[in-house]
N, C-alpha and C. Protein backbone atom coordinates (compact mmCIF):
# COMPACT_ATOMS: atom_id res chain seq x y z
N MET A 1 -143.70 -115.78 142.47
CA MET A 1 -144.79 -116.31 141.56
C MET A 1 -145.21 -117.48 142.12
N ASP A 2 -146.57 -117.62 142.15
CA ASP A 2 -147.15 -118.60 142.66
C ASP A 2 -147.72 -119.36 141.53
N LYS A 3 -147.75 -121.03 141.68
CA LYS A 3 -148.02 -121.76 140.93
C LYS A 3 -149.69 -121.82 140.84
N VAL A 4 -150.06 -121.60 139.41
CA VAL A 4 -151.41 -121.69 139.08
C VAL A 4 -151.79 -122.47 138.06
N ASP A 5 -152.95 -123.46 138.21
CA ASP A 5 -153.11 -124.23 137.02
C ASP A 5 -153.23 -123.10 135.82
N PRO A 6 -152.64 -123.52 134.52
CA PRO A 6 -152.91 -122.70 133.55
C PRO A 6 -153.99 -122.27 133.05
N SER A 7 -155.02 -123.58 133.21
CA SER A 7 -156.42 -123.50 132.56
C SER A 7 -157.03 -122.56 133.27
N ILE A 8 -156.73 -122.52 134.58
CA ILE A 8 -157.28 -121.62 135.26
C ILE A 8 -156.93 -120.11 135.14
N LEU A 9 -155.73 -119.73 134.94
CA LEU A 9 -155.30 -118.70 134.62
C LEU A 9 -155.86 -118.07 133.32
N MET A 10 -156.05 -119.21 132.26
CA MET A 10 -156.57 -118.27 130.89
C MET A 10 -157.92 -118.38 130.95
N ASP A 11 -158.51 -118.97 131.76
CA ASP A 11 -160.18 -118.81 132.16
C ASP A 11 -160.33 -117.41 132.88
N GLU A 12 -159.59 -116.79 133.73
CA GLU A 12 -159.08 -115.43 134.46
C GLU A 12 -159.10 -114.58 133.44
N VAL A 13 -158.17 -114.81 132.46
CA VAL A 13 -158.20 -113.89 131.14
C VAL A 13 -159.26 -113.54 130.37
N ARG A 14 -159.65 -115.02 130.04
CA ARG A 14 -161.01 -114.90 129.24
C ARG A 14 -162.06 -114.24 129.87
N LEU A 15 -162.11 -114.39 131.28
CA LEU A 15 -163.07 -113.37 132.17
C LEU A 15 -162.98 -112.09 131.88
N ILE A 16 -161.83 -111.46 132.18
CA ILE A 16 -161.61 -109.98 132.34
C ILE A 16 -161.56 -109.57 130.97
N LEU A 17 -161.10 -110.25 129.76
CA LEU A 17 -161.31 -109.77 128.47
C LEU A 17 -162.75 -109.75 128.05
N ALA A 18 -163.69 -110.70 128.58
CA ALA A 18 -165.28 -110.46 128.41
C ALA A 18 -165.74 -109.34 129.20
N GLU A 19 -165.32 -108.97 130.34
CA GLU A 19 -165.88 -107.87 131.06
C GLU A 19 -165.47 -106.54 130.48
N LYS A 20 -163.97 -106.72 129.77
CA LYS A 20 -163.71 -105.39 129.25
C LYS A 20 -164.31 -105.17 127.66
N ASN A 21 -164.50 -106.23 127.04
CA ASN A 21 -165.39 -106.02 126.18
C ASN A 21 -167.13 -105.68 126.36
N THR A 22 -167.53 -106.00 127.38
CA THR A 22 -168.80 -105.28 127.86
C THR A 22 -168.74 -104.26 128.15
N ALA A 23 -167.70 -103.40 128.75
CA ALA A 23 -167.36 -102.14 129.11
C ALA A 23 -167.19 -101.12 127.63
N PHE A 24 -166.89 -101.75 126.77
CA PHE A 24 -166.76 -101.45 125.49
C PHE A 24 -168.02 -101.12 124.86
N SER A 25 -168.64 -102.06 124.99
CA SER A 25 -170.34 -102.04 124.26
C SER A 25 -171.26 -101.20 125.42
N LEU A 26 -170.77 -100.73 126.39
CA LEU A 26 -171.26 -99.71 127.28
C LEU A 26 -170.98 -98.41 126.90
N MET A 27 -169.65 -98.29 126.23
CA MET A 27 -169.20 -96.96 125.95
C MET A 27 -169.83 -96.65 124.56
N ARG A 28 -169.91 -97.58 123.67
CA ARG A 28 -170.65 -97.62 122.44
C ARG A 28 -171.93 -96.85 122.54
N THR A 29 -172.54 -97.75 123.55
CA THR A 29 -174.13 -97.02 123.87
C THR A 29 -174.33 -96.07 124.49
N GLY A 30 -173.54 -95.48 125.33
CA GLY A 30 -173.24 -93.95 125.44
C GLY A 30 -173.11 -92.99 124.63
N ILE A 31 -171.78 -93.41 123.87
CA ILE A 31 -171.83 -92.33 122.34
C ILE A 31 -173.02 -92.45 121.37
N ALA A 32 -173.65 -93.65 121.27
CA ALA A 32 -174.96 -93.31 120.63
C ALA A 32 -176.05 -92.63 121.09
N ILE A 33 -176.31 -92.65 122.49
CA ILE A 33 -177.00 -91.77 123.07
C ILE A 33 -176.88 -90.60 123.28
N LEU A 34 -175.39 -90.07 122.77
CA LEU A 34 -174.86 -88.79 122.78
C LEU A 34 -175.35 -88.28 121.33
N ALA A 35 -175.54 -88.97 120.62
CA ALA A 35 -175.63 -88.73 119.01
C ALA A 35 -177.14 -88.03 118.90
N LEU A 36 -178.01 -88.51 119.65
CA LEU A 36 -179.34 -88.31 119.67
C LEU A 36 -179.86 -86.92 119.84
N PRO A 37 -179.03 -86.09 121.20
CA PRO A 37 -179.74 -84.84 121.43
C PRO A 37 -178.82 -84.01 120.24
N LEU A 38 -178.08 -84.15 119.96
CA LEU A 38 -177.04 -83.66 118.79
C LEU A 38 -178.04 -83.71 117.56
N SER A 39 -178.71 -84.62 117.20
CA SER A 39 -179.37 -84.54 116.02
C SER A 39 -180.76 -83.92 116.33
N ILE A 40 -181.44 -84.06 117.04
CA ILE A 40 -182.68 -83.21 117.54
C ILE A 40 -182.19 -81.88 117.58
N MET A 41 -181.30 -81.37 117.93
CA MET A 41 -180.86 -79.86 118.22
C MET A 41 -180.75 -79.38 116.96
N SER A 42 -179.88 -80.25 115.97
CA SER A 42 -179.91 -79.87 114.44
C SER A 42 -181.01 -79.61 113.82
N LEU A 43 -181.84 -80.65 113.98
CA LEU A 43 -183.35 -80.64 113.36
C LEU A 43 -183.99 -79.32 113.48
N LEU A 44 -183.98 -79.09 114.89
CA LEU A 44 -184.94 -77.76 115.45
C LEU A 44 -183.91 -76.56 115.06
N VAL A 45 -182.63 -76.44 114.73
CA VAL A 45 -182.05 -75.10 114.45
C VAL A 45 -182.40 -75.34 112.49
N ALA A 46 -182.25 -76.25 111.96
CA ALA A 46 -182.42 -76.28 110.76
C ALA A 46 -183.96 -75.80 110.38
N THR A 47 -185.04 -76.25 110.98
CA THR A 47 -186.50 -75.88 110.78
C THR A 47 -186.83 -74.46 111.73
N SER A 48 -185.65 -73.98 112.57
CA SER A 48 -186.08 -72.78 113.21
C SER A 48 -186.89 -71.45 112.29
N LYS A 49 -186.64 -71.46 110.97
CA LYS A 49 -187.19 -70.22 110.25
C LYS A 49 -188.74 -70.62 109.85
N TYR A 50 -189.14 -71.64 110.41
CA TYR A 50 -190.68 -72.04 110.09
C TYR A 50 -191.65 -71.96 111.32
N TYR A 51 -191.01 -71.34 112.49
CA TYR A 51 -191.74 -71.15 113.41
C TYR A 51 -191.29 -70.21 114.28
N ASP A 52 -192.09 -69.28 115.31
CA ASP A 52 -191.80 -68.67 116.34
C ASP A 52 -191.47 -69.32 117.49
N VAL A 53 -190.27 -68.87 117.98
CA VAL A 53 -189.81 -69.63 119.35
C VAL A 53 -190.60 -69.37 120.49
N LEU A 54 -190.87 -68.04 120.68
CA LEU A 54 -192.16 -67.63 121.74
C LEU A 54 -193.15 -68.49 121.88
N GLN A 55 -193.75 -68.98 120.38
CA GLN A 55 -195.18 -69.59 120.19
C GLN A 55 -194.96 -71.05 120.81
N VAL A 56 -193.78 -71.51 120.58
CA VAL A 56 -193.72 -73.27 120.78
C VAL A 56 -192.80 -73.37 121.83
N LEU A 57 -192.42 -72.39 122.71
CA LEU A 57 -191.79 -72.86 123.76
C LEU A 57 -192.16 -73.78 124.96
N HIS A 58 -193.52 -73.91 124.77
CA HIS A 58 -194.17 -74.94 125.69
C HIS A 58 -193.88 -76.19 125.40
N PHE A 59 -193.09 -76.54 123.89
CA PHE A 59 -192.59 -77.52 123.14
C PHE A 59 -190.93 -77.38 123.49
N LEU A 60 -190.72 -76.54 123.54
CA LEU A 60 -189.00 -76.34 123.35
C LEU A 60 -188.21 -76.82 124.73
N ILE A 61 -189.14 -76.29 125.81
CA ILE A 61 -188.46 -76.49 127.10
C ILE A 61 -188.48 -78.11 127.55
N PRO A 62 -189.50 -78.78 127.13
CA PRO A 62 -189.45 -80.12 127.51
C PRO A 62 -188.51 -80.97 126.82
N ILE A 63 -188.26 -80.51 125.40
CA ILE A 63 -187.23 -81.21 124.76
C ILE A 63 -185.92 -80.69 124.94
N GLY A 64 -185.69 -79.56 125.54
CA GLY A 64 -184.25 -79.19 126.18
C GLY A 64 -184.00 -80.14 127.21
N ILE A 65 -185.16 -80.05 127.96
CA ILE A 65 -184.90 -80.77 129.48
C ILE A 65 -184.31 -82.31 129.23
N LEU A 66 -185.12 -82.72 128.17
CA LEU A 66 -185.01 -84.45 127.89
C LEU A 66 -183.43 -84.71 127.01
N ASN A 67 -182.99 -83.70 126.33
CA ASN A 67 -182.00 -83.65 125.83
C ASN A 67 -180.61 -83.39 126.79
N LEU A 68 -181.01 -82.68 127.90
CA LEU A 68 -180.19 -82.57 128.64
C LEU A 68 -179.76 -83.76 129.47
N ALA A 69 -181.07 -84.40 129.72
CA ALA A 69 -180.75 -85.57 130.59
C ALA A 69 -180.09 -86.61 129.73
N LEU A 70 -180.44 -86.86 128.23
CA LEU A 70 -179.49 -87.64 127.70
C LEU A 70 -178.28 -87.44 127.69
N VAL A 71 -178.09 -86.31 127.28
CA VAL A 71 -176.36 -85.97 127.46
C VAL A 71 -175.71 -86.26 128.62
N ILE A 72 -176.71 -86.07 129.97
CA ILE A 72 -175.88 -86.26 131.37
C ILE A 72 -175.80 -87.69 131.39
N LEU A 73 -176.93 -88.49 130.95
CA LEU A 73 -176.73 -90.46 130.90
C LEU A 73 -175.48 -90.58 129.91
N SER A 74 -175.58 -90.25 128.83
CA SER A 74 -174.53 -90.68 128.14
C SER A 74 -173.09 -90.34 128.80
N ILE A 75 -173.02 -89.25 129.14
CA ILE A 75 -171.59 -88.90 129.94
C ILE A 75 -171.31 -90.08 131.16
N TYR A 76 -172.21 -89.82 131.71
CA TYR A 76 -172.30 -91.25 132.83
C TYR A 76 -171.74 -92.19 132.22
N LEU A 77 -172.26 -92.79 131.12
CA LEU A 77 -172.35 -94.26 130.59
C LEU A 77 -170.77 -94.28 129.92
N ILE A 78 -170.37 -93.08 129.44
CA ILE A 78 -169.24 -93.40 128.91
C ILE A 78 -168.11 -93.21 129.80
N VAL A 79 -168.11 -92.37 131.21
CA VAL A 79 -167.09 -92.00 132.09
C VAL A 79 -167.16 -93.71 132.91
N ARG A 80 -168.17 -94.14 133.07
CA ARG A 80 -168.31 -95.44 133.76
C ARG A 80 -167.65 -96.38 132.97
N SER A 81 -167.55 -96.54 131.78
CA SER A 81 -167.09 -97.70 130.82
C SER A 81 -165.51 -97.37 130.99
N MET A 82 -164.96 -96.14 130.90
CA MET A 82 -163.85 -95.90 130.86
C MET A 82 -163.08 -96.37 132.12
N MET A 83 -163.69 -96.15 133.19
CA MET A 83 -163.26 -96.31 134.62
C MET A 83 -163.23 -97.89 134.95
N HIS A 84 -164.05 -98.58 134.00
CA HIS A 84 -163.95 -100.39 134.11
C HIS A 84 -162.94 -100.59 133.15
N ILE A 85 -162.75 -100.16 131.92
CA ILE A 85 -161.97 -100.50 131.19
C ILE A 85 -160.48 -100.61 131.82
N HIS A 86 -160.05 -99.23 132.48
CA HIS A 86 -158.80 -98.91 133.08
C HIS A 86 -158.81 -100.14 134.28
N PHE A 87 -159.69 -100.59 135.12
CA PHE A 87 -159.96 -101.47 135.83
C PHE A 87 -159.34 -103.03 135.57
N TYR A 88 -159.84 -103.25 134.48
CA TYR A 88 -159.68 -104.43 134.01
C TYR A 88 -158.06 -104.55 133.40
N ASP A 89 -157.99 -103.51 132.58
CA ASP A 89 -156.55 -103.27 132.22
C ASP A 89 -155.36 -103.49 133.43
N LYS A 90 -155.34 -102.93 134.49
CA LYS A 90 -154.90 -102.97 135.95
C LYS A 90 -154.89 -104.55 135.95
N LEU A 91 -156.14 -105.37 135.98
CA LEU A 91 -156.13 -106.70 136.32
C LEU A 91 -155.16 -107.42 135.33
N LEU A 92 -155.14 -107.15 134.08
CA LEU A 92 -154.49 -108.06 133.17
C LEU A 92 -153.04 -107.74 133.61
N TYR A 93 -152.39 -106.71 133.73
CA TYR A 93 -151.09 -106.16 134.11
C TYR A 93 -150.94 -106.87 135.42
N LYS A 94 -151.66 -107.20 136.20
CA LYS A 94 -151.21 -107.92 137.40
C LYS A 94 -151.05 -109.37 137.16
N ILE A 95 -152.01 -109.80 136.29
CA ILE A 95 -151.80 -111.37 135.86
C ILE A 95 -150.42 -111.32 135.00
N LYS A 96 -150.33 -110.51 134.45
CA LYS A 96 -149.03 -110.52 133.45
C LYS A 96 -147.83 -110.35 134.25
N LEU A 97 -147.74 -110.02 135.27
CA LEU A 97 -146.69 -109.87 136.07
C LEU A 97 -146.55 -110.93 137.16
N ARG A 98 -147.78 -111.72 137.31
CA ARG A 98 -147.62 -113.19 138.15
C ARG A 98 -147.16 -114.07 137.23
N ASN A 99 -147.26 -114.34 135.92
CA ASN A 99 -146.95 -115.24 134.99
C ASN A 99 -146.13 -115.09 134.02
N LYS A 100 -145.07 -115.44 133.75
CA LYS A 100 -144.26 -115.16 132.75
C LYS A 100 -144.52 -115.56 131.46
N ASN A 101 -145.09 -116.91 131.13
CA ASN A 101 -145.49 -117.42 130.01
C ASN A 101 -146.59 -116.72 129.68
N LEU A 102 -147.50 -116.23 130.38
CA LEU A 102 -148.79 -115.06 130.09
C LEU A 102 -148.55 -113.89 129.40
N SER A 103 -147.31 -113.54 129.79
CA SER A 103 -146.80 -111.98 129.74
C SER A 103 -146.28 -111.66 128.11
N GLU A 104 -146.05 -113.09 127.56
CA GLU A 104 -145.60 -113.35 125.98
C GLU A 104 -146.77 -112.79 125.09
N LEU A 105 -147.88 -113.54 125.77
CA LEU A 105 -149.32 -113.72 124.98
C LEU A 105 -150.02 -112.38 125.11
N ILE A 106 -149.96 -111.58 125.92
CA ILE A 106 -150.69 -110.43 126.33
C ILE A 106 -149.97 -109.23 126.12
N LYS A 107 -150.11 -108.27 125.62
CA LYS A 107 -149.46 -106.97 125.20
C LYS A 107 -150.21 -105.87 126.38
């Protein structure tokens, strides 16, 4: 165990927790973006009896491509945030191992 100033150590923990909070915000954004294509598709299915698919295919193809792009973006954001959260958890665990007093505060 190396001797580190407790205030510096607490600042490190606060920084890591702030970064972890940012990763959770990124995950929430990804989930919200994922809900948009699902709602668009449910609206299209619910109103499908009012139009012929072949007549509005020039509208449906771009909407489908846009929905696919939004799903890919949301999956990317969610996976990236999960990787960051896991990384910050590892950092907190290493800090807990280094300092016995801090290990009582962080679970």
